[in-house]
Amino acid sequence: MIDDPALLARAEALVAAYAAAGLTVATAESCTGGLVAGLLTAIPGSSAVLERGFVTYSNAAKSESIGVPADLIAAHGAVSAPVARAMAEGALAQARTSVAVAITGIAGPGGGSADKPVGLVHFGLAAAGGAVRHLERRYGDLGRIEIRRQAVGDAMGLLELALAPTS
């Protein structure tokens, strides 16, 4: 994934834009396992932008590392809009950054259900002093590698969106 020229170009532009704006980023990743943070750190100068990445693959990690309430996970499941939002808020608070993006989903090949099929990914985006945004994607059963690649692209899109002035 880090050798994807399009993703690398986006990451390079993102790092430059965040650095120019004096903004910092944290990631909270489940199904992507740190790929977003890895992509950002492939760019020279990213240390001025990426504060830290949390790989919170298990439910316990989500609760212990970034403060996602266990009862929220129990009520909605780890792959849900409320948990994605809580992951983003928790990463923002723990890392004390300007922006945090969170990803939780089912990359497959197993683990899906009728309600939560393989390819379902929820994203959260939290910015200091702003509302938490949510994005849901249903990529379909494209295979683990492709689902994760597309999720990284959508996470980059959210980080790009956080740079846009609000109207």
Protein backbone atom coordinates (compact mmCIF):
# COMPACT_ATOMS: atom_id res chain seq x y z
CA MET A 1 0.00 0.00 0.00
CA ILE A 2 2.81 2.40 0.76
CA ASP A 3 4.06 1.89 -2.81
CA ASP A 4 0.76 3.14 -4.31
CA PRO A 5 1.84 6.29 -6.23
CA ALA A 6 -1.57 7.96 -5.96
CA LEU A 7 -1.78 7.45 -2.19
CA LEU A 8 1.82 8.61 -1.75
CA ALA A 9 1.12 11.77 -3.73
CA ARG A 10 -1.92 12.49 -1.58
CA ALA A 11 0.07 11.85 1.59
CA GLU A 12 2.85 14.17 0.44
CA ALA A 13 0.36 16.95 -0.28
CA LEU A 14 -1.40 16.35 3.01
CA VAL A 15 1.80 16.47 5.05
CA ALA A 16 2.81 19.71 3.32
CA ALA A 17 -0.60 21.30 3.88
CA TYR A 18 -0.83 20.27 7.54
CA ALA A 19 2.74 21.45 8.18
CA ALA A 20 2.02 24.80 6.51
CA ALA A 21 -1.11 25.20 8.62
CA GLY A 22 0.68 24.17 11.82
CA LEU A 23 -1.74 21.26 12.35
CA THR A 24 -1.06 17.84 13.80
CA VAL A 25 -2.72 14.47 13.25
CA ALA A 26 -3.43 11.30 15.19
CA THR A 27 -4.84 8.08 13.80
CA ALA A 28 -6.92 5.41 15.53
CA GLU A 29 -6.95 2.35 13.31
CA SER A 30 -8.57 -1.03 13.63
CA CYS A 31 -9.06 -2.85 10.31
CA THR A 32 -6.28 -0.86 8.63
CA GLY A 33 -3.79 -1.82 11.34
CA GLY A 34 -1.70 1.34 11.14
CA LEU A 35 -1.63 1.70 7.35
CA VAL A 36 -2.72 5.35 7.43
CA ALA A 37 0.02 6.25 9.91
CA GLY A 38 2.46 4.17 7.86
CA LEU A 39 1.53 6.02 4.69
CA LEU A 40 2.00 9.40 6.35
CA THR A 41 5.39 8.41 7.80
CA ALA A 42 6.58 7.38 4.34
CA ILE A 43 6.76 11.12 3.63
CA PRO A 44 9.87 13.04 4.72
CA GLY A 45 8.93 15.75 7.19
CA SER A 46 5.89 13.89 8.48
CA SER A 47 7.24 14.09 12.03
CA ALA A 48 6.06 17.72 12.07
CA VAL A 49 2.50 16.52 11.40
CA LEU A 50 1.87 13.00 12.71
CA GLU A 51 1.83 13.01 16.50
CA ARG A 52 0.95 9.34 16.93
CA GLY A 53 -1.02 6.42 15.65
CA PHE A 54 -3.08 4.05 17.75
CA VAL A 55 -3.65 0.55 16.44
CA THR A 56 -6.70 -0.47 18.43
CA TYR A 57 -7.55 -3.79 16.85
CA SER A 58 -9.23 -5.36 19.86
CA ASN A 59 -12.18 -4.02 21.81
CA ALA A 60 -9.98 -3.85 24.92
CA ALA A 61 -7.44 -1.73 23.03
CA LYS A 62 -10.16 0.66 21.93
CA SER A 63 -11.21 1.12 25.55
CA GLU A 64 -7.79 1.12 27.21
CA SER A 65 -5.82 3.18 24.68
CA ILE A 66 -8.30 5.78 23.51
CA GLY A 67 -11.13 5.63 26.04
CA VAL A 68 -13.94 4.14 23.96
CA PRO A 69 -16.55 3.10 26.56
CA ALA A 70 -16.90 -0.68 26.74
CA ASP A 71 -20.67 -0.30 27.05
CA LEU A 72 -20.73 1.63 23.76
CA ILE A 73 -18.93 -1.24 22.04
CA ALA A 74 -21.27 -3.76 23.68
CA ALA A 75 -24.35 -1.82 22.58
CA HIS A 76 -23.36 -1.08 18.98
CA GLY A 77 -20.47 -3.39 18.14
CA ALA A 78 -16.91 -2.35 17.34
CA VAL A 79 -17.85 -1.74 13.70
CA SER A 80 -20.37 1.06 14.09
CA ALA A 81 -20.81 4.78 13.70
CA PRO A 82 -20.86 5.50 17.46
CA VAL A 83 -17.62 3.59 18.00
CA ALA A 84 -15.87 5.24 15.03
CA ARG A 85 -16.83 8.65 16.40
CA ALA A 86 -15.67 7.71 19.91
CA MET A 87 -12.38 6.40 18.51
CA ALA A 88 -11.73 9.71 16.76
CA GLU A 89 -12.64 11.73 19.86
CA GLY A 90 -10.50 9.49 22.05
CA ALA A 91 -7.47 9.72 19.76
CA LEU A 92 -7.85 13.50 19.59
CA ALA A 93 -7.97 13.74 23.38
CA GLN A 94 -5.16 11.27 24.10
CA ALA A 95 -2.78 12.67 21.49
CA ARG A 96 -3.74 16.33 22.01
CA THR A 97 -3.63 16.94 18.26
CA SER A 98 -5.50 19.23 15.90
CA VAL A 99 -7.21 16.40 14.01
CA ALA A 100 -7.79 12.67 14.48
CA VAL A 101 -9.12 10.12 12.04
CA ALA A 102 -10.47 6.71 13.07
CA ILE A 103 -11.22 3.57 11.07
CA THR A 104 -13.08 0.45 12.16
CA GLY A 105 -14.42 -2.18 9.81
CA ILE A 106 -14.60 -5.72 8.51
CA ALA A 107 -11.87 -6.41 5.96
CA GLY A 108 -12.60 -10.14 5.70
CA PRO A 109 -12.44 -12.67 4.39
CA GLY A 110 -14.58 -13.78 7.35
CA GLY A 111 -16.20 -11.95 10.22
CA GLY A 112 -19.12 -10.43 8.38
CA SER A 113 -22.84 -10.89 8.96
CA ALA A 114 -26.06 -9.88 7.22
CA ASP A 115 -26.16 -6.60 9.18
CA LYS A 116 -22.42 -5.99 9.04
CA PRO A 117 -21.03 -7.56 5.88
CA VAL A 118 -17.41 -7.88 4.83
CA GLY A 119 -16.42 -4.54 3.36
CA LEU A 120 -18.32 -2.40 5.87
CA VAL A 121 -16.07 0.32 7.27
CA HIS A 122 -16.93 3.22 9.58
CA PHE A 123 -14.75 6.31 9.86
CA GLY A 124 -14.66 9.10 12.40
CA LEU A 125 -13.02 12.49 12.03
CA ALA A 126 -12.54 14.75 15.04
CA ALA A 127 -11.03 18.22 15.01
CA ALA A 128 -10.20 20.38 17.97
CA GLY A 129 -13.16 22.62 18.64
CA GLY A 130 -15.30 21.06 15.93
CA ALA A 131 -18.03 18.51 15.47
CA VAL A 132 -17.15 14.86 14.96
CA ARG A 133 -17.87 13.65 11.44
CA HIS A 134 -18.77 10.13 10.38
CA LEU A 135 -18.42 8.31 7.08
CA GLU A 136 -19.74 4.84 6.29
CA ARG A 137 -18.50 2.81 3.34
CA ARG A 138 -19.76 -0.51 2.05
CA TYR A 139 -17.03 -1.57 -0.35
CA GLY A 140 -18.34 -5.08 -0.80
CA ASP A 141 -16.29 -8.24 -0.53
CA LEU A 142 -13.38 -7.01 -2.66
CA GLY A 143 -10.75 -8.95 -0.73
CA ARG A 144 -8.86 -7.90 2.37
CA ILE A 145 -6.09 -6.01 0.59
CA GLU A 146 -8.45 -3.94 -1.58
CA ILE A 147 -10.84 -3.13 1.27
CA ARG A 148 -7.95 -1.88 3.37
CA ARG A 149 -6.49 0.10 0.43
CA GLN A 150 -9.80 1.82 -0.21
CA ALA A 151 -10.23 2.52 3.51
CA VAL A 152 -6.82 4.21 3.60
CA GLY A 153 -7.88 6.35 0.63
CA ASP A 154 -11.11 7.36 2.35
CA ALA A 155 -9.23 8.17 5.58
CA MET A 156 -6.92 10.41 3.56
CA GLY A 157 -10.03 12.06 2.10
CA LEU A 158 -11.29 12.85 5.58
CA LEU A 159 -7.94 14.32 6.58
CA GLU A 160 -8.06 16.45 3.42
CA LEU A 161 -11.62 17.52 4.31
CA ALA A 162 -10.44 18.66 7.74
CA LEU A 163 -8.22 21.22 6.00
CA ALA A 164 -11.13 22.80 4.16
CA PRO A 165 -12.56 25.92 5.76
CA THR A 166 -16.00 25.36 7.25
CA SER A 167 -18.82 27.42 5.87
